[in-house]
N, C-alpha and C. Protein backbone atom coordinates (compact mmCIF):
# COMPACT_ATOMS: atom_id res chain seq x y z
N MET A 1 7.73 -8.88 -3.28
CA MET A 1 6.51 -9.18 -2.89
C MET A 1 6.29 -8.29 -1.60
N ARG A 2 7.28 -7.89 -1.14
CA ARG A 2 7.16 -6.92 0.33
C ARG A 2 6.73 -5.69 -0.14
N ASP A 3 6.93 -5.06 -1.32
CA ASP A 3 6.24 -3.90 -1.84
C ASP A 3 4.82 -3.91 -1.96
N MET A 4 4.24 -5.14 -2.43
CA MET A 4 2.88 -5.31 -2.46
C MET A 4 2.28 -5.10 -1.12
N VAL A 5 2.88 -5.52 0.18
CA VAL A 5 2.36 -5.74 1.48
C VAL A 5 2.64 -4.13 1.94
N VAL A 6 3.46 -3.51 1.78
CA VAL A 6 3.68 -2.01 2.19
C VAL A 6 2.44 -1.25 1.38
N VAL A 7 2.24 -1.48 0.19
CA VAL A 7 1.40 -0.78 -0.58
C VAL A 7 -0.15 -1.15 0.13
N GLY A 8 -0.27 -2.29 0.47
CA GLY A 8 -1.59 -2.82 0.98
C GLY A 8 -1.63 -2.34 2.46
N VAL A 9 -0.78 -2.12 3.30
CA VAL A 9 -1.06 -1.59 4.41
C VAL A 9 -1.24 -0.10 4.50
N LEU A 10 -0.44 0.64 3.48
CA LEU A 10 -0.69 2.09 3.43
C LEU A 10 -2.32 2.29 2.87
N LEU A 11 -2.77 1.54 1.95
CA LEU A 11 -4.51 1.70 1.27
C LEU A 11 -5.11 1.39 2.58
N ALA A 12 -4.67 0.34 3.25
CA ALA A 12 -5.83 0.00 4.30
C ALA A 12 -5.94 0.94 5.35
N VAL A 13 -4.52 1.53 5.78
CA VAL A 13 -4.74 3.02 6.72
C VAL A 13 -5.45 4.01 6.18
N LEU A 14 -5.19 4.30 4.99
CA LEU A 14 -5.84 5.45 4.38
C LEU A 14 -7.39 4.93 4.24
N GLY A 15 -7.71 3.75 4.06
CA GLY A 15 -9.30 3.31 4.00
C GLY A 15 -9.87 3.64 5.40
N LEU A 16 -9.11 3.25 6.28
CA LEU A 16 -9.42 3.17 7.69
C LEU A 16 -9.90 4.49 8.36
N GLY A 17 -8.70 5.34 7.79
CA GLY A 17 -8.78 6.79 8.13
C GLY A 17 -9.89 7.56 7.46
N THR A 18 -10.30 7.15 6.41
CA THR A 18 -11.31 7.82 5.48
C THR A 18 -12.80 7.47 6.57
N LEU A 19 -12.94 6.22 6.77
CA LEU A 19 -14.16 5.75 7.71
C LEU A 19 -14.17 6.39 8.87
N ILE A 20 -13.08 6.68 9.56
CA ILE A 20 -12.96 7.34 11.02
C ILE A 20 -13.38 8.66 10.86
N PHE A 21 -12.56 9.43 10.12
CA PHE A 21 -12.82 10.81 10.11
C PHE A 21 -13.97 11.41 9.35
N GLY A 22 -14.01 11.04 7.90
CA GLY A 22 -15.22 11.16 7.11
C GLY A 22 -15.30 12.46 6.50
N GLN A 23 -14.66 13.27 7.09
CA GLN A 23 -14.60 14.73 6.20
C GLN A 23 -13.26 15.63 6.77
N ILE A 24 -12.97 16.53 5.97
CA ILE A 24 -11.81 17.20 6.21
C ILE A 24 -12.38 18.75 5.93
N ARG A 25 -11.77 19.35 7.11
CA ARG A 25 -12.47 20.79 7.50
C ARG A 25 -11.04 21.65 7.48
N TYR A 26 -11.23 22.91 6.63
CA TYR A 26 -10.13 23.71 6.62
C TYR A 26 -10.59 25.49 6.53
N THR A 27 -10.06 26.42 6.98
CA THR A 27 -10.56 27.60 7.00
C THR A 27 -9.48 28.47 6.09
N GLU A 28 -10.16 29.25 5.19
CA GLU A 28 -9.65 30.07 4.16
C GLU A 28 -9.61 31.39 4.57
N THR A 29 -8.42 32.10 4.75
CA THR A 29 -8.61 33.85 5.18
C THR A 29 -8.12 34.42 3.89
N GLU A 30 -8.90 35.34 3.44
CA GLU A 30 -8.41 36.19 2.32
C GLU A 30 -8.85 37.68 2.75
N PRO A 31 -7.86 38.65 2.21
CA PRO A 31 -8.15 39.88 2.52
C PRO A 31 -9.17 40.55 1.76
N VAL A 32 -10.00 41.51 2.49
CA VAL A 32 -11.39 42.19 1.81
C VAL A 32 -10.93 43.46 1.60
N VAL A 33 -10.18 44.27 2.45
CA VAL A 33 -9.94 45.83 2.44
C VAL A 33 -8.46 45.93 2.85
N LYS A 34 -7.91 46.70 1.98
CA LYS A 34 -6.27 46.93 2.55
C LYS A 34 -6.25 48.39 2.22
N ALA A 35 -6.49 49.27 3.42
CA ALA A 35 -6.30 50.54 3.36
C ALA A 35 -5.13 51.19 4.13
N GLY A 36 -4.27 51.33 3.76
CA GLY A 36 -3.03 51.54 4.51
C GLY A 36 -2.44 50.74 5.80
N PRO A 37 -2.52 50.92 7.00
CA PRO A 37 -2.43 50.32 8.11
C PRO A 37 -3.50 49.28 8.54
N ILE A 38 -4.78 49.85 7.85
CA ILE A 38 -6.09 48.90 8.44
C ILE A 38 -6.18 47.78 7.32
N GLN A 39 -6.26 46.59 7.69
CA GLN A 39 -6.61 45.27 6.87
C GLN A 39 -7.77 44.55 7.42
N ILE A 40 -9.07 44.33 6.53
CA ILE A 40 -9.92 43.44 7.09
C ILE A 40 -9.92 42.23 6.34
N ASP A 41 -10.15 41.14 7.08
CA ASP A 41 -10.08 39.88 6.45
C ASP A 41 -11.31 39.03 6.34
N LYS A 42 -11.39 38.42 5.56
CA LYS A 42 -12.79 37.36 5.57
C LYS A 42 -12.27 36.01 5.78
N LYS A 43 -12.99 35.19 6.58
CA LYS A 43 -12.53 33.83 6.82
C LYS A 43 -13.89 33.01 6.49
N GLU A 44 -13.48 32.22 5.61
CA GLU A 44 -14.45 31.15 5.05
C GLU A 44 -14.11 29.77 5.34
N SER A 45 -14.97 29.02 6.15
CA SER A 45 -14.65 27.57 6.20
C SER A 45 -15.10 26.61 5.29
N HIS A 46 -14.53 25.63 5.12
CA HIS A 46 -14.63 24.72 3.92
C HIS A 46 -14.81 23.42 4.45
N VAL A 47 -15.71 22.42 4.04
CA VAL A 47 -15.69 21.05 4.40
C VAL A 47 -15.43 20.12 2.96
N ILE A 48 -14.68 19.03 2.94
CA ILE A 48 -14.63 18.45 2.03
C ILE A 48 -15.08 16.85 2.75
N SER A 49 -16.34 16.40 2.11
CA SER A 49 -16.80 14.89 2.81
C SER A 49 -16.16 14.01 1.76
N LEU A 50 -15.80 12.93 2.41
CA LEU A 50 -15.17 11.76 1.96
C LEU A 50 -15.97 10.69 2.02
N PRO A 51 -16.40 9.94 0.91
CA PRO A 51 -17.45 9.11 0.73
C PRO A 51 -16.98 7.62 1.47
N THR A 52 -17.88 7.07 2.31
CA THR A 52 -17.88 6.02 3.07
C THR A 52 -17.56 4.98 2.02
N VAL A 53 -18.06 4.90 0.87
CA VAL A 53 -17.93 3.64 0.08
C VAL A 53 -16.35 3.53 -0.36
N GLY A 54 -15.97 4.83 -0.68
CA GLY A 54 -14.43 4.81 -1.06
C GLY A 54 -13.49 4.44 0.23
N GLY A 55 -13.84 4.48 1.12
CA GLY A 55 -13.02 4.12 2.43
C GLY A 55 -13.05 2.42 2.54
N VAL A 56 -14.20 2.12 2.27
CA VAL A 56 -14.54 0.65 2.37
C VAL A 56 -13.61 -0.09 1.19
N VAL A 57 -13.75 0.55 0.09
CA VAL A 57 -13.16 0.26 -0.91
C VAL A 57 -11.40 -0.04 -0.87
N LEU A 58 -11.10 1.15 -0.31
CA LEU A 58 -9.52 1.34 0.14
C LEU A 58 -9.25 0.14 1.01
N LEU A 59 -10.12 0.15 2.08
CA LEU A 59 -9.63 -0.87 2.98
C LEU A 59 -9.63 -2.41 2.56
N ILE A 60 -10.75 -2.73 1.76
CA ILE A 60 -10.65 -4.08 1.28
C ILE A 60 -9.53 -4.32 0.41
N ALA A 61 -9.35 -3.44 -0.85
CA ALA A 61 -8.16 -3.36 -1.55
C ALA A 61 -6.73 -3.58 -0.63
N GLY A 62 -6.76 -2.78 0.17
CA GLY A 62 -5.41 -2.75 1.05
C GLY A 62 -5.28 -4.26 1.58
N LEU A 63 -6.15 -4.66 2.20
CA LEU A 63 -6.26 -5.73 2.93
C LEU A 63 -5.92 -7.10 1.92
N GLY A 64 -6.46 -6.90 0.75
CA GLY A 64 -6.25 -7.96 -0.37
C GLY A 64 -4.69 -7.95 -0.87
N PHE A 65 -4.17 -6.86 -0.96
CA PHE A 65 -2.78 -6.43 -1.39
C PHE A 65 -1.95 -7.31 -0.18
N VAL A 66 -2.35 -6.99 0.90
CA VAL A 66 -1.44 -7.52 2.08
C VAL A 66 -1.51 -8.89 2.05
N PHE A 67 -2.55 -9.70 1.84
CA PHE A 67 -2.68 -11.07 1.89
C PHE A 67 -2.00 -11.73 0.69
N VAL A 68 -2.22 -11.12 -0.56
CA VAL A 68 -1.55 -11.67 -1.55
C VAL A 68 -0.14 -11.43 -1.48
N GLY A 69 0.45 -10.18 -1.02
CA GLY A 69 1.77 -10.04 -0.97
C GLY A 69 2.50 -11.02 0.03
N MET A 70 1.58 -11.45 1.01
CA MET A 70 2.15 -12.46 2.38
C MET A 70 2.23 -13.76 1.61
N ARG A 71 1.14 -14.17 0.96
CA ARG A 71 1.01 -15.40 0.30
C ARG A 71 2.16 -15.83 -0.74
N ARG A 72 2.78 -15.01 -1.39
CA ARG A 72 3.74 -15.14 -2.24
C ARG A 72 5.18 -15.32 -1.80
N ASN A 73 5.09 -14.70 -0.38
CA ASN A 73 6.50 -14.88 0.20
C ASN A 73 6.66 -16.40 0.29
């Protein structure tokens, strides 16, 4: 039953992180021109939005796993 508690804590932390941060941002760099020693790069920013409902579901499921796992001990 300890495994269920660990999984519950991980889900709860993941759900809380989703609610706190809300989105993931990263920058992608790709070469546009390569001519001998000269190189021109293009940087493009991307944003991945994390749904609030998903964070709430993960948090509730994680807390449920923790309570069920602790109750069975």
